[in-house]
């Protein structure tokens, strides 16, 4: 039987218990990336199929050109989104989810749906918490 010390694991119990300490920093980075509000929305929108940049921007209200560009670049670096450039005049670029990104899509849409379903309730709690 293998014995591990408390320094070999991130936590003794809970969802982090089975994760080696040396993996935790990277896992936090991944969670920061995919948990970012813009990343969640991009993953949700791109699932419908390859989309051009302007189509993405139209379907994600409030996202700036800079944030969309940065978010797409980061999602591409993590292997969640592909970028395909076509040699046409004018040039055409499309973004699509990779198989890895499609695996995240269901989780993302569930989270977005939960936030939408509980919008009013959370707003009421916030109002009570800030009331004098």
C-alpha atoms as a PDB file:
ATOM      1  CA  UNK A   1       0.000   0.000   0.000  1.00  0.00           C
ATOM      2  CA  UNK A   2       1.340   3.427  -0.980  1.00  0.00           C
ATOM      3  CA  UNK A   3       1.425   6.011   1.761  1.00  0.00           C
ATOM      4  CA  UNK A   4       1.309   9.678   0.834  1.00  0.00           C
ATOM      5  CA  UNK A   5       2.081  12.571   3.077  1.00  0.00           C
ATOM      6  CA  UNK A   6      -0.170  15.585   3.442  1.00  0.00           C
ATOM      7  CA  UNK A   7       2.246  17.561   1.245  1.00  0.00           C
ATOM      8  CA  UNK A   8       1.604  15.196  -1.705  1.00  0.00           C
ATOM      9  CA  UNK A   9      -2.055  16.225  -1.932  1.00  0.00           C
ATOM     10  CA  UNK A  10      -3.706  19.600  -2.197  1.00  0.00           C
ATOM     11  CA  UNK A  11      -6.405  18.743   0.345  1.00  0.00           C
ATOM     12  CA  UNK A  12      -7.378  15.896   2.650  1.00  0.00           C
ATOM     13  CA  UNK A  13     -11.039  15.877   1.611  1.00  0.00           C
ATOM     14  CA  UNK A  14     -13.254  17.416  -1.043  1.00  0.00           C
ATOM     15  CA  UNK A  15     -12.886  17.872  -4.800  1.00  0.00           C
ATOM     16  CA  UNK A  16      -9.185  18.774  -4.539  1.00  0.00           C
ATOM     17  CA  UNK A  17      -8.249  15.721  -2.474  1.00  0.00           C
ATOM     18  CA  UNK A  18      -7.198  13.575  -5.410  1.00  0.00           C
ATOM     19  CA  UNK A  19      -5.175  16.275  -7.128  1.00  0.00           C
ATOM     20  CA  UNK A  20      -1.410  16.346  -6.571  1.00  0.00           C
ATOM     21  CA  UNK A  21      -0.117  19.622  -5.151  1.00  0.00           C
ATOM     22  CA  UNK A  22       2.136  20.159  -8.163  1.00  0.00           C
ATOM     23  CA  UNK A  23      -0.934  20.208 -10.449  1.00  0.00           C
ATOM     24  CA  UNK A  24      -2.977  22.709  -8.439  1.00  0.00           C
ATOM     25  CA  UNK A  25      -1.404  25.918  -9.759  1.00  0.00           C
ATOM     26  CA  UNK A  26      -2.032  24.831 -13.342  1.00  0.00           C
ATOM     27  CA  UNK A  27      -5.590  23.719 -12.548  1.00  0.00           C
ATOM     28  CA  UNK A  28      -6.286  27.127 -10.997  1.00  0.00           C
ATOM     29  CA  UNK A  29      -4.979  28.767 -14.191  1.00  0.00           C
ATOM     30  CA  UNK A  30      -7.285  26.619 -16.323  1.00  0.00           C
ATOM     31  CA  UNK A  31     -10.260  27.397 -14.071  1.00  0.00           C
ATOM     32  CA  UNK A  32      -9.439  31.113 -14.238  1.00  0.00           C
ATOM     33  CA  UNK A  33      -9.362  30.894 -18.030  1.00  0.00           C
ATOM     34  CA  UNK A  34     -12.525  28.874 -18.618  1.00  0.00           C
ATOM     35  CA  UNK A  35     -14.343  30.583 -15.731  1.00  0.00           C
ATOM     36  CA  UNK A  36     -13.800  34.049 -17.160  1.00  0.00           C
ATOM     37  CA  UNK A  37     -17.109  35.635 -18.150  1.00  0.00           C
ATOM     38  CA  UNK A  38     -16.032  36.249 -21.735  1.00  0.00           C
ATOM     39  CA  UNK A  39     -14.596  32.758 -22.198  1.00  0.00           C
ATOM     40  CA  UNK A  40     -17.849  31.225 -20.958  1.00  0.00           C
ATOM     41  CA  UNK A  41     -19.868  33.257 -23.426  1.00  0.00           C
ATOM     42  CA  UNK A  42     -17.517  32.614 -26.364  1.00  0.00           C
ATOM     43  CA  UNK A  43     -17.620  28.845 -25.747  1.00  0.00           C
ATOM     44  CA  UNK A  44     -21.418  28.988 -25.548  1.00  0.00           C
ATOM     45  CA  UNK A  45     -21.766  30.970 -28.783  1.00  0.00           C
ATOM     46  CA  UNK A  46     -19.146  29.198 -30.908  1.00  0.00           C
ATOM     47  CA  UNK A  47     -20.828  25.826 -30.341  1.00  0.00           C
ATOM     48  CA  UNK A  48     -23.382  26.635 -33.030  1.00  0.00           C
ATOM     49  CA  UNK A  49     -20.677  26.113 -35.656  1.00  0.00           C
ATOM     50  CA  UNK A  50     -17.833  28.017 -37.249  1.00  0.00           C
ATOM     51  CA  UNK A  51     -18.386  31.729 -36.801  1.00  0.00           C
ATOM     52  CA  UNK A  52     -16.649  34.792 -38.116  1.00  0.00           C
ATOM     53  CA  UNK A  53     -15.259  37.371 -35.735  1.00  0.00           C
ATOM     54  CA  UNK A  54     -18.020  39.920 -36.425  1.00  0.00           C
ATOM     55  CA  UNK A  55     -20.705  37.283 -35.879  1.00  0.00           C
ATOM     56  CA  UNK A  56     -19.173  36.452 -32.498  1.00  0.00           C
ATOM     57  CA  UNK A  57     -19.025  40.111 -31.540  1.00  0.00           C
ATOM     58  CA  UNK A  58     -22.708  40.552 -32.469  1.00  0.00           C
ATOM     59  CA  UNK A  59     -23.781  37.538 -30.404  1.00  0.00           C
ATOM     60  CA  UNK A  60     -21.897  38.572 -27.250  1.00  0.00           C
ATOM     61  CA  UNK A  61     -23.310  41.911 -26.121  1.00  0.00           C
ATOM     62  CA  UNK A  62     -20.879  44.147 -24.272  1.00  0.00           C
ATOM     63  CA  UNK A  63     -17.631  42.494 -25.347  1.00  0.00           C
ATOM     64  CA  UNK A  64     -15.046  44.891 -26.724  1.00  0.00           C
ATOM     65  CA  UNK A  65     -12.968  44.125 -29.789  1.00  0.00           C
ATOM     66  CA  UNK A  66      -9.858  43.912 -27.585  1.00  0.00           C
ATOM     67  CA  UNK A  67     -11.465  41.445 -25.138  1.00  0.00           C
ATOM     68  CA  UNK A  68     -12.870  39.264 -27.906  1.00  0.00           C
ATOM     69  CA  UNK A  69      -9.476  39.107 -29.607  1.00  0.00           C
ATOM     70  CA  UNK A  70      -7.699  38.311 -26.328  1.00  0.00           C
ATOM     71  CA  UNK A  71     -10.295  35.713 -25.304  1.00  0.00           C
ATOM     72  CA  UNK A  72     -10.195  33.948 -28.668  1.00  0.00           C
ATOM     73  CA  UNK A  73      -6.396  33.896 -28.587  1.00  0.00           C
ATOM     74  CA  UNK A  74      -6.356  32.396 -25.082  1.00  0.00           C
ATOM     75  CA  UNK A  75      -9.006  29.789 -25.911  1.00  0.00           C
ATOM     76  CA  UNK A  76      -7.010  28.869 -29.008  1.00  0.00           C
ATOM     77  CA  UNK A  77      -3.802  28.541 -26.943  1.00  0.00           C
ATOM     78  CA  UNK A  78      -5.608  26.127 -24.609  1.00  0.00           C
ATOM     79  CA  UNK A  79      -6.911  24.048 -27.516  1.00  0.00           C
ATOM     80  CA  UNK A  80     -10.569  24.906 -26.954  1.00  0.00           C
ATOM     81  CA  UNK A  81     -11.115  26.924 -30.151  1.00  0.00           C
ATOM     82  CA  UNK A  82      -9.678  26.672 -33.652  1.00  0.00           C
ATOM     83  CA  UNK A  83      -8.965  29.609 -35.927  1.00  0.00           C
ATOM     84  CA  UNK A  84      -9.173  28.940 -39.655  1.00  0.00           C
ATOM     85  CA  UNK A  85      -8.023  31.633 -42.073  1.00  0.00           C
ATOM     86  CA  UNK A  86      -9.134  31.326 -45.686  1.00  0.00           C
ATOM     87  CA  UNK A  87      -7.017  32.797 -48.473  1.00  0.00           C
ATOM     88  CA  UNK A  88      -9.791  34.831 -50.040  1.00  0.00           C
ATOM     89  CA  UNK A  89     -10.335  38.444 -50.945  1.00  0.00           C
ATOM     90  CA  UNK A  90     -11.440  39.826 -48.581  1.00  0.00           C
ATOM     91  CA  UNK A  91      -9.793  37.480 -46.072  1.00  0.00           C
ATOM     92  CA  UNK A  92     -12.154  35.284 -44.064  1.00  0.00           C
ATOM     93  CA  UNK A  93     -11.409  33.881 -40.599  1.00  0.00           C
ATOM     94  CA  UNK A  94     -13.672  31.465 -38.737  1.00  0.00           C
ATOM     95  CA  UNK A  95     -13.622  30.188 -35.171  1.00  0.00           C
ATOM     96  CA  UNK A  96     -14.976  26.824 -34.040  1.00  0.00           C
ATOM     97  CA  UNK A  97     -14.873  24.647 -30.957  1.00  0.00           C
ATOM     98  CA  UNK A  98     -12.406  21.780 -30.849  1.00  0.00           C
ATOM     99  CA  UNK A  99     -13.460  18.411 -29.386  1.00  0.00           C
ATOM    100  CA  UNK A 100     -11.940  19.606 -26.095  1.00  0.00           C
ATOM    101  CA  UNK A 101     -14.017  22.806 -26.290  1.00  0.00           C
ATOM    102  CA  UNK A 102     -17.179  20.856 -27.106  1.00  0.00           C
ATOM    103  CA  UNK A 103     -16.624  18.869 -23.904  1.00  0.00           C
ATOM    104  CA  UNK A 104     -16.719  22.142 -21.980  1.00  0.00           C
ATOM    105  CA  UNK A 105     -19.789  23.471 -23.800  1.00  0.00           C
ATOM    106  CA  UNK A 106     -22.430  21.550 -21.846  1.00  0.00           C
ATOM    107  CA  UNK A 107     -20.949  22.700 -18.545  1.00  0.00           C
ATOM    108  CA  UNK A 108     -20.829  26.304 -19.749  1.00  0.00           C
ATOM    109  CA  UNK A 109     -24.404  26.366 -21.024  1.00  0.00           C
ATOM    110  CA  UNK A 110     -25.620  24.819 -17.764  1.00  0.00           C
ATOM    111  CA  UNK A 111     -23.848  27.527 -15.768  1.00  0.00           C
ATOM    112  CA  UNK A 112     -25.198  30.311 -17.991  1.00  0.00           C
ATOM    113  CA  UNK A 113     -28.698  28.821 -17.741  1.00  0.00           C
ATOM    114  CA  UNK A 114     -28.427  28.629 -13.954  1.00  0.00           C
ATOM    115  CA  UNK A 115     -27.376  32.293 -13.780  1.00  0.00           C
ATOM    116  CA  UNK A 116     -30.280  33.306 -16.028  1.00  0.00           C
ATOM    117  CA  UNK A 117     -32.793  31.188 -14.086  1.00  0.00           C
ATOM    118  CA  UNK A 118     -31.734  32.711 -10.743  1.00  0.00           C
ATOM    119  CA  UNK A 119     -31.158  36.271 -11.918  1.00  0.00           C
ATOM    120  CA  UNK A 120     -34.066  37.797 -10.012  1.00  0.00           C
ATOM    121  CA  UNK A 121     -33.399  35.861  -6.825  1.00  0.00           C
ATOM    122  CA  UNK A 122     -29.713  36.815  -6.746  1.00  0.00           C
ATOM    123  CA  UNK A 123     -30.535  40.434  -7.543  1.00  0.00           C
ATOM    124  CA  UNK A 124     -32.934  40.504  -4.556  1.00  0.00           C
ATOM    125  CA  UNK A 125     -30.294  39.041  -2.235  1.00  0.00           C
ATOM    126  CA  UNK A 126     -27.750  41.613  -3.379  1.00  0.00           C
ATOM    127  CA  UNK A 127     -30.220  44.423  -2.829  1.00  0.00           C
ATOM    128  CA  UNK A 128     -30.959  43.202   0.714  1.00  0.00           C
ATOM    129  CA  UNK A 129     -27.253  42.828   1.474  1.00  0.00           C
ATOM    130  CA  UNK A 130     -26.497  46.414   0.477  1.00  0.00           C
ATOM    131  CA  UNK A 131     -29.624  47.971   2.015  1.00  0.00           C
ATOM    132  CA  UNK A 132     -29.005  50.194   5.049  1.00  0.00           C
END
